[in-house]
């Protein structure tokens, strides 16, 4: 019997590494696209994980990645804009491409990570872009689940570890 196949966008990140490990433990084959395979080397040793170099902003690449998948999980998000890496590109354009690729590849199930406080009238471009993505997913016609976490922290996070490094460097 073939394992269910799930594609995890953002699978090499802090949240993604834990989601991928749980999917593997549940008996899934997991595809994790990444810009640089080296960045997701911690996943390569998992038995049913394929880490593939791909440009997830390329619609054709997404269609190819999604072929044969029973579900797609989009965990991609940024907290700060940097050059071409904008909230619009990561939080709005990418989900639009993901939804289109799901339709083309015949993927019926999409899980999408948004953010607590996502609101079209929110106080920041971050929250407005997350709300725009939610609207795209909700209108997609796919079977979808959205989750809105608050700050996520743990041993390998970027958030609390920044404060830990600062407290060591600048003790008060």
Protein backbone atom coordinates (compact mmCIF):
# COMPACT_ATOMS: atom_id res chain seq x y z
CA UNK A 1 0.00 0.00 0.00
CA UNK A 2 1.40 3.40 -1.00
CA UNK A 3 2.03 5.96 1.70
CA UNK A 4 -0.03 9.14 1.57
CA UNK A 5 2.11 11.92 0.10
CA UNK A 6 2.17 15.38 1.65
CA UNK A 7 4.09 18.42 0.42
CA UNK A 8 5.25 20.77 3.16
CA UNK A 9 6.21 24.27 2.04
CA UNK A 10 8.39 25.76 4.74
CA UNK A 11 9.18 22.27 5.98
CA UNK A 12 12.80 23.14 6.72
CA UNK A 13 11.87 25.91 9.15
CA UNK A 14 11.28 25.91 12.89
CA UNK A 15 7.62 24.84 12.74
CA UNK A 16 8.13 22.75 9.61
CA UNK A 17 10.75 20.43 11.07
CA UNK A 18 8.28 19.40 13.77
CA UNK A 19 5.36 19.02 11.36
CA UNK A 20 7.48 16.90 9.01
CA UNK A 21 8.64 14.65 11.87
CA UNK A 22 5.02 14.09 12.96
CA UNK A 23 3.93 13.30 9.40
CA UNK A 24 6.73 10.74 9.06
CA UNK A 25 5.74 9.17 12.40
CA UNK A 26 2.14 8.96 11.12
CA UNK A 27 3.26 7.07 8.02
CA UNK A 28 3.36 9.78 5.36
CA UNK A 29 5.79 10.28 2.51
CA UNK A 30 6.79 13.93 2.76
CA UNK A 31 8.16 16.21 0.06
CA UNK A 32 9.99 19.29 1.36
CA UNK A 33 11.01 21.79 -1.29
CA UNK A 34 13.80 24.19 -0.35
CA UNK A 35 16.00 26.78 -2.04
CA UNK A 36 19.12 25.06 -0.74
CA UNK A 37 19.05 21.38 0.22
CA UNK A 38 21.80 22.04 2.76
CA UNK A 39 19.39 24.28 4.72
CA UNK A 40 17.12 21.29 5.37
CA UNK A 41 19.83 18.70 6.03
CA UNK A 42 18.24 17.91 9.40
CA UNK A 43 15.32 16.35 7.47
CA UNK A 44 17.32 14.30 4.97
CA UNK A 45 17.84 11.41 7.38
CA UNK A 46 14.12 10.94 8.04
CA UNK A 47 13.09 7.72 6.27
CA UNK A 48 10.18 8.90 4.12
CA UNK A 49 11.24 12.49 3.45
CA UNK A 50 12.45 13.81 0.11
CA UNK A 51 14.16 17.21 0.33
CA UNK A 52 14.15 18.75 -3.13
CA UNK A 53 15.71 21.96 -4.37
CA UNK A 54 12.95 24.00 -5.98
CA UNK A 55 11.73 27.53 -6.45
CA UNK A 56 8.33 27.48 -4.75
CA UNK A 57 7.49 30.82 -6.33
CA UNK A 58 7.58 29.13 -9.77
CA UNK A 59 4.03 27.99 -10.62
CA UNK A 60 5.23 25.09 -12.79
CA UNK A 61 7.58 23.87 -10.07
CA UNK A 62 4.67 23.85 -7.61
CA UNK A 63 2.50 21.87 -10.02
CA UNK A 64 5.26 19.30 -10.40
CA UNK A 65 5.87 19.09 -6.64
CA UNK A 66 2.15 18.66 -5.94
CA UNK A 67 1.63 15.89 -8.51
CA UNK A 68 0.49 12.79 -6.62
CA UNK A 69 0.12 14.57 -3.29
CA UNK A 70 -2.95 14.04 -1.15
CA UNK A 71 -2.32 17.25 0.81
CA UNK A 72 -0.23 20.41 0.82
CA UNK A 73 0.77 22.26 3.97
CA UNK A 74 1.88 25.87 3.57
CA UNK A 75 3.98 27.06 6.52
CA UNK A 76 5.81 29.79 4.62
CA UNK A 77 5.87 33.10 6.41
CA UNK A 78 8.22 35.95 7.10
CA UNK A 79 8.31 38.34 10.05
CA UNK A 80 10.38 41.03 8.34
CA UNK A 81 10.63 42.15 4.75
CA UNK A 82 14.04 42.06 3.09
CA UNK A 83 14.55 43.18 -0.51
CA UNK A 84 12.36 41.10 -2.82
CA UNK A 85 11.25 38.96 0.13
CA UNK A 86 8.12 40.96 0.94
CA UNK A 87 4.91 40.22 2.83
CA UNK A 88 3.02 40.50 -0.45
CA UNK A 89 5.24 37.91 -2.14
CA UNK A 90 5.42 35.43 0.76
CA UNK A 91 1.95 35.80 2.24
CA UNK A 92 -0.26 36.69 -0.75
CA UNK A 93 1.35 35.78 -4.07
CA UNK A 94 2.62 32.40 -2.87
CA UNK A 95 -0.73 31.22 -1.45
CA UNK A 96 -2.40 32.30 -4.72
CA UNK A 97 0.11 30.13 -6.63
CA UNK A 98 -0.30 27.27 -4.15
CA UNK A 99 -4.08 27.24 -4.60
CA UNK A 100 -3.75 27.30 -8.40
CA UNK A 101 -1.18 24.47 -8.34
CA UNK A 102 -3.41 22.42 -6.03
CA UNK A 103 -6.22 22.71 -8.58
CA UNK A 104 -3.95 21.84 -11.51
CA UNK A 105 -2.36 18.86 -9.73
CA UNK A 106 -5.64 17.59 -8.29
CA UNK A 107 -4.73 18.15 -4.62
CA UNK A 108 -7.97 18.54 -2.69
CA UNK A 109 -6.59 19.29 0.80
CA UNK A 110 -4.69 22.43 1.83
CA UNK A 111 -3.51 23.38 5.31
CA UNK A 112 -2.38 26.95 5.66
CA UNK A 113 -0.60 28.68 8.54
CA UNK A 114 -1.78 32.23 9.05
CA UNK A 115 -1.26 34.37 12.16
CA UNK A 116 -3.18 35.38 15.24
CA UNK A 117 -4.76 38.76 14.55
CA UNK A 118 -4.79 38.43 10.75
CA UNK A 119 -7.19 41.14 9.62
CA UNK A 120 -7.67 43.12 6.39
CA UNK A 121 -7.88 46.25 8.58
CA UNK A 122 -5.06 45.14 10.87
CA UNK A 123 -2.46 47.53 12.24
CA UNK A 124 0.43 46.15 10.19
CA UNK A 125 1.21 45.08 6.63
CA UNK A 126 2.12 41.68 8.09
CA UNK A 127 -1.37 41.09 9.51
CA UNK A 128 -3.06 42.55 6.42
CA UNK A 129 -1.07 40.22 4.14
CA UNK A 130 -1.90 37.21 6.31
CA UNK A 131 -5.60 38.14 6.07
CA UNK A 132 -5.36 38.45 2.29
CA UNK A 133 -3.93 34.94 2.12
CA UNK A 134 -6.74 33.62 4.31
CA UNK A 135 -9.27 35.08 1.88
CA UNK A 136 -7.52 33.39 -1.06
CA UNK A 137 -7.51 30.01 0.69
CA UNK A 138 -11.12 30.35 1.91
CA UNK A 139 -12.33 31.15 -1.61
CA UNK A 140 -10.27 28.36 -3.20
CA UNK A 141 -12.93 25.65 -3.35
CA UNK A 142 -10.40 23.27 -1.77
CA UNK A 143 -10.90 21.42 1.50
CA UNK A 144 -8.83 23.66 3.73
CA UNK A 145 -7.77 24.19 7.30
CA UNK A 146 -6.20 27.42 8.50
CA UNK A 147 -4.52 27.87 11.81
CA UNK A 148 -3.63 31.15 13.47
CA UNK A 149 -0.79 30.68 15.93
CA UNK A 150 0.54 33.43 18.13
CA UNK A 151 4.29 33.61 18.74
CA UNK A 152 5.73 30.10 18.47
CA UNK A 153 8.82 29.41 20.49
CA UNK A 154 11.00 26.50 21.46
CA UNK A 155 14.56 25.26 21.59
CA UNK A 156 15.48 26.15 17.97
CA UNK A 157 13.30 29.26 17.50
CA UNK A 158 14.56 32.60 16.25
CA UNK A 159 12.39 34.70 18.56
CA UNK A 160 13.32 33.84 22.16
CA UNK A 161 16.83 32.78 21.21
CA UNK A 162 17.46 36.32 19.94
CA UNK A 163 16.58 37.66 23.40
CA UNK A 164 18.75 35.02 25.06
CA UNK A 165 21.74 36.05 22.91
CA UNK A 166 21.07 39.72 23.63
CA UNK A 167 20.87 39.11 27.37
CA UNK A 168 24.27 37.38 27.28
CA UNK A 169 25.80 40.15 25.20
CA UNK A 170 24.15 43.06 27.02
CA UNK A 171 23.48 42.02 30.63
CA UNK A 172 21.44 44.53 32.59
